[in-house]
Amino acid sequence: MKAEKIRGLEDSELEKQSQAHAEQMFQLRFRMSMGQADGLKKYRELKKDRARILTILHERQGK
């Protein structure tokens, strides 16, 4: 997800997406540890998207 698209969302929607990304990351990490999924690329994308979301949320809270 691009930063411009993230900036267009409301804070509540960003928090929901951040939580959803965290849950997906947990599930992927669990499946990878069990050897069931080769989701490393997806995990990295989720991690970066979540970092972007959290960065924008923190920027907005600082204003």
C-alpha atoms as a PDB file:
ATOM      1  CA  MET A   1       0.000   0.000   0.000  1.00  0.00           C
ATOM      2  CA  LYS A   2       1.370   3.395  -0.944  1.00  0.00           C
ATOM      3  CA  ALA A   3       1.859   6.153   1.612  1.00  0.00           C
ATOM      4  CA  GLU A   4      -0.424   8.547  -0.305  1.00  0.00           C
ATOM      5  CA  LYS A   5      -3.283   6.049  -0.090  1.00  0.00           C
ATOM      6  CA  ILE A   6      -2.668   5.533   3.628  1.00  0.00           C
ATOM      7  CA  ARG A   7      -2.667   9.283   4.278  1.00  0.00           C
ATOM      8  CA  GLY A   8      -6.149   9.530   2.740  1.00  0.00           C
ATOM      9  CA  LEU A   9      -7.665   7.234   5.376  1.00  0.00           C
ATOM     10  CA  GLU A  10      -9.179   8.175   8.729  1.00  0.00           C
ATOM     11  CA  ASP A  11      -7.332   7.436  11.982  1.00  0.00           C
ATOM     12  CA  SER A  12      -9.880   4.831  13.055  1.00  0.00           C
ATOM     13  CA  GLU A  13      -9.529   2.990   9.738  1.00  0.00           C
ATOM     14  CA  LEU A  14      -5.740   3.071  10.057  1.00  0.00           C
ATOM     15  CA  GLU A  15      -5.920   1.567  13.534  1.00  0.00           C
ATOM     16  CA  LYS A  16      -8.200  -1.217  12.258  1.00  0.00           C
ATOM     17  CA  GLN A  17      -5.819  -1.974   9.398  1.00  0.00           C
ATOM     18  CA  SER A  18      -2.838  -1.962  11.721  1.00  0.00           C
ATOM     19  CA  GLN A  19      -4.537  -4.496  13.977  1.00  0.00           C
ATOM     20  CA  ALA A  20      -5.549  -6.627  10.987  1.00  0.00           C
ATOM     21  CA  HIS A  21      -1.977  -6.600   9.672  1.00  0.00           C
ATOM     22  CA  ALA A  22      -0.663  -7.636  13.098  1.00  0.00           C
ATOM     23  CA  GLU A  23      -3.071 -10.587  13.199  1.00  0.00           C
ATOM     24  CA  GLN A  24      -2.159 -11.660   9.668  1.00  0.00           C
ATOM     25  CA  MET A  25       1.541 -11.428  10.504  1.00  0.00           C
ATOM     26  CA  PHE A  26       1.026 -13.610  13.574  1.00  0.00           C
ATOM     27  CA  GLN A  27      -0.851 -16.232  11.578  1.00  0.00           C
ATOM     28  CA  LEU A  28       1.753 -16.245   8.802  1.00  0.00           C
ATOM     29  CA  ARG A  29       4.600 -16.510  11.300  1.00  0.00           C
ATOM     30  CA  PHE A  30       2.840 -19.418  12.996  1.00  0.00           C
ATOM     31  CA  ARG A  31       2.225 -21.225   9.685  1.00  0.00           C
ATOM     32  CA  MET A  32       5.827 -20.677   8.589  1.00  0.00           C
ATOM     33  CA  SER A  33       7.120 -22.135  11.849  1.00  0.00           C
ATOM     34  CA  MET A  34       4.988 -25.225  11.254  1.00  0.00           C
ATOM     35  CA  GLY A  35       6.363 -25.506   7.731  1.00  0.00           C
ATOM     36  CA  GLN A  36       2.939 -25.083   6.143  1.00  0.00           C
ATOM     37  CA  ALA A  37       3.405 -21.865   4.216  1.00  0.00           C
ATOM     38  CA  ASP A  38       6.115 -20.134   2.249  1.00  0.00           C
ATOM     39  CA  GLY A  39       4.797 -16.690   3.104  1.00  0.00           C
ATOM     40  CA  LEU A  40       8.021 -14.815   3.752  1.00  0.00           C
ATOM     41  CA  LYS A  41       7.391 -12.310   0.947  1.00  0.00           C
ATOM     42  CA  LYS A  42       3.832 -11.686   2.149  1.00  0.00           C
ATOM     43  CA  TYR A  43       5.086 -11.347   5.739  1.00  0.00           C
ATOM     44  CA  ARG A  44       7.638  -8.715   4.713  1.00  0.00           C
ATOM     45  CA  GLU A  45       4.996  -6.744   2.784  1.00  0.00           C
ATOM     46  CA  LEU A  46       2.631  -6.804   5.763  1.00  0.00           C
ATOM     47  CA  LYS A  47       5.426  -5.703   8.081  1.00  0.00           C
ATOM     48  CA  LYS A  48       6.335  -2.738   5.863  1.00  0.00           C
ATOM     49  CA  ASP A  49       2.705  -1.718   5.367  1.00  0.00           C
ATOM     50  CA  ARG A  50       2.079  -1.843   9.101  1.00  0.00           C
ATOM     51  CA  ALA A  51       5.180   0.281   9.707  1.00  0.00           C
ATOM     52  CA  ARG A  52       3.906   2.866   7.208  1.00  0.00           C
ATOM     53  CA  ILE A  53       0.505   2.932   8.910  1.00  0.00           C
ATOM     54  CA  LEU A  54       2.009   3.348  12.374  1.00  0.00           C
ATOM     55  CA  THR A  55       4.364   6.078  11.141  1.00  0.00           C
ATOM     56  CA  ILE A  56       1.491   8.094   9.700  1.00  0.00           C
ATOM     57  CA  LEU A  57      -0.572   7.605  12.867  1.00  0.00           C
ATOM     58  CA  HIS A  58       2.317   8.885  14.981  1.00  0.00           C
ATOM     59  CA  GLU A  59       2.796  11.870  12.667  1.00  0.00           C
ATOM     60  CA  ARG A  60      -0.867  12.792  13.074  1.00  0.00           C
ATOM     61  CA  GLN A  61      -0.729  12.471  16.857  1.00  0.00           C
ATOM     62  CA  GLY A  62       2.249  14.833  16.986  1.00  0.00           C
ATOM     63  CA  LYS A  63       0.341  17.661  15.291  1.00  0.00           C
END
